[in-house]
Amino acid sequence: MQPSKRVPTSGRSAPSSHVTRIAWTLHRGRHVLAIPGTGDCGHLVDNVAAGGLRLSEDELTVLEAAHRRAS
């Protein structure tokens, strides 16, 4: 996913792709820790908000499939 694209999320306003990537990473398991770096306060706010983004099973399935295609 390109950083400027947005991923549709079941009728909710779509978060940016980097927020979606962080949320997807966190959904991989309790043993996973995402540590994104930023020098921009706005991005920091987005990164923190990603921790509260709850992805549905359908959204996770789509993201997993995209990950497998890219691997």
Protein backbone atom coordinates (compact mmCIF):
# COMPACT_ATOMS: atom_id res chain seq x y z
CA MET A 1 0.00 0.00 0.00
CA GLN A 2 1.21 3.47 -0.78
CA PRO A 3 1.16 5.92 2.17
CA SER A 4 -1.29 8.25 0.41
CA LYS A 5 -3.91 5.56 -0.24
CA ARG A 6 -6.69 4.79 2.19
CA VAL A 7 -8.08 1.37 2.99
CA PRO A 8 -11.89 1.18 3.16
CA THR A 9 -13.03 -0.07 6.56
CA SER A 10 -16.66 -1.16 6.61
CA GLY A 11 -18.31 2.24 6.15
CA ARG A 12 -16.09 4.01 8.66
CA SER A 13 -13.96 6.86 7.43
CA ALA A 14 -10.88 5.17 6.06
CA PRO A 15 -7.66 5.60 8.04
CA SER A 16 -4.44 6.25 6.16
CA SER A 17 -2.56 3.19 4.99
CA HIS A 18 0.23 3.70 7.54
CA VAL A 19 -2.33 3.72 10.38
CA THR A 20 -3.93 0.59 8.91
CA ARG A 21 -0.51 -1.10 8.66
CA ILE A 22 0.24 -0.35 12.31
CA ALA A 23 -3.20 -1.60 13.40
CA TRP A 24 -2.76 -4.78 11.30
CA THR A 25 0.68 -5.36 12.81
CA LEU A 26 -0.75 -5.03 16.33
CA HIS A 27 -3.55 -7.51 15.47
CA ARG A 28 -0.92 -10.16 14.63
CA GLY A 29 -0.76 -11.08 18.32
CA ARG A 30 -0.09 -9.92 21.86
CA HIS A 31 3.57 -10.82 21.32
CA VAL A 32 3.92 -8.19 18.54
CA LEU A 33 5.09 -4.66 19.17
CA ALA A 34 4.98 -1.96 16.48
CA ILE A 35 7.59 0.77 16.90
CA PRO A 36 7.09 3.35 14.14
CA GLY A 37 9.45 6.30 14.11
CA THR A 38 8.38 9.84 13.31
CA GLY A 39 9.65 13.36 13.52
CA ASP A 40 6.23 14.87 12.93
CA CYS A 41 3.72 15.49 15.76
CA GLY A 42 0.76 14.82 13.46
CA HIS A 43 2.16 11.42 12.52
CA LEU A 44 2.76 10.66 16.18
CA VAL A 45 -0.92 11.30 16.92
CA ASP A 46 -1.88 8.99 14.01
CA ASN A 47 0.53 6.29 15.22
CA VAL A 48 -0.94 6.35 18.72
CA ALA A 49 -4.49 6.29 17.30
CA ALA A 50 -3.61 3.15 15.33
CA GLY A 51 -3.44 1.28 18.63
CA GLY A 52 -7.17 1.89 19.08
CA LEU A 53 -8.18 0.93 15.54
CA ARG A 54 -10.12 -2.33 15.65
CA LEU A 55 -10.15 -4.21 12.36
CA SER A 56 -12.97 -6.62 11.54
CA GLU A 57 -12.30 -10.22 10.56
CA ASP A 58 -13.12 -9.32 6.94
CA GLU A 59 -10.65 -6.42 7.00
CA LEU A 60 -7.96 -8.64 8.52
CA THR A 61 -8.59 -11.26 5.81
CA VAL A 62 -8.14 -8.66 3.07
CA LEU A 63 -4.95 -7.32 4.66
CA GLU A 64 -3.54 -10.83 5.20
CA ALA A 65 -4.17 -11.64 1.53
CA ALA A 66 -2.43 -8.42 0.45
CA HIS A 67 0.51 -9.28 2.69
CA ARG A 68 0.80 -12.77 1.19
CA ARG A 69 0.70 -11.36 -2.37
CA ALA A 70 3.44 -8.85 -1.53
CA SER A 71 5.69 -11.44 0.15
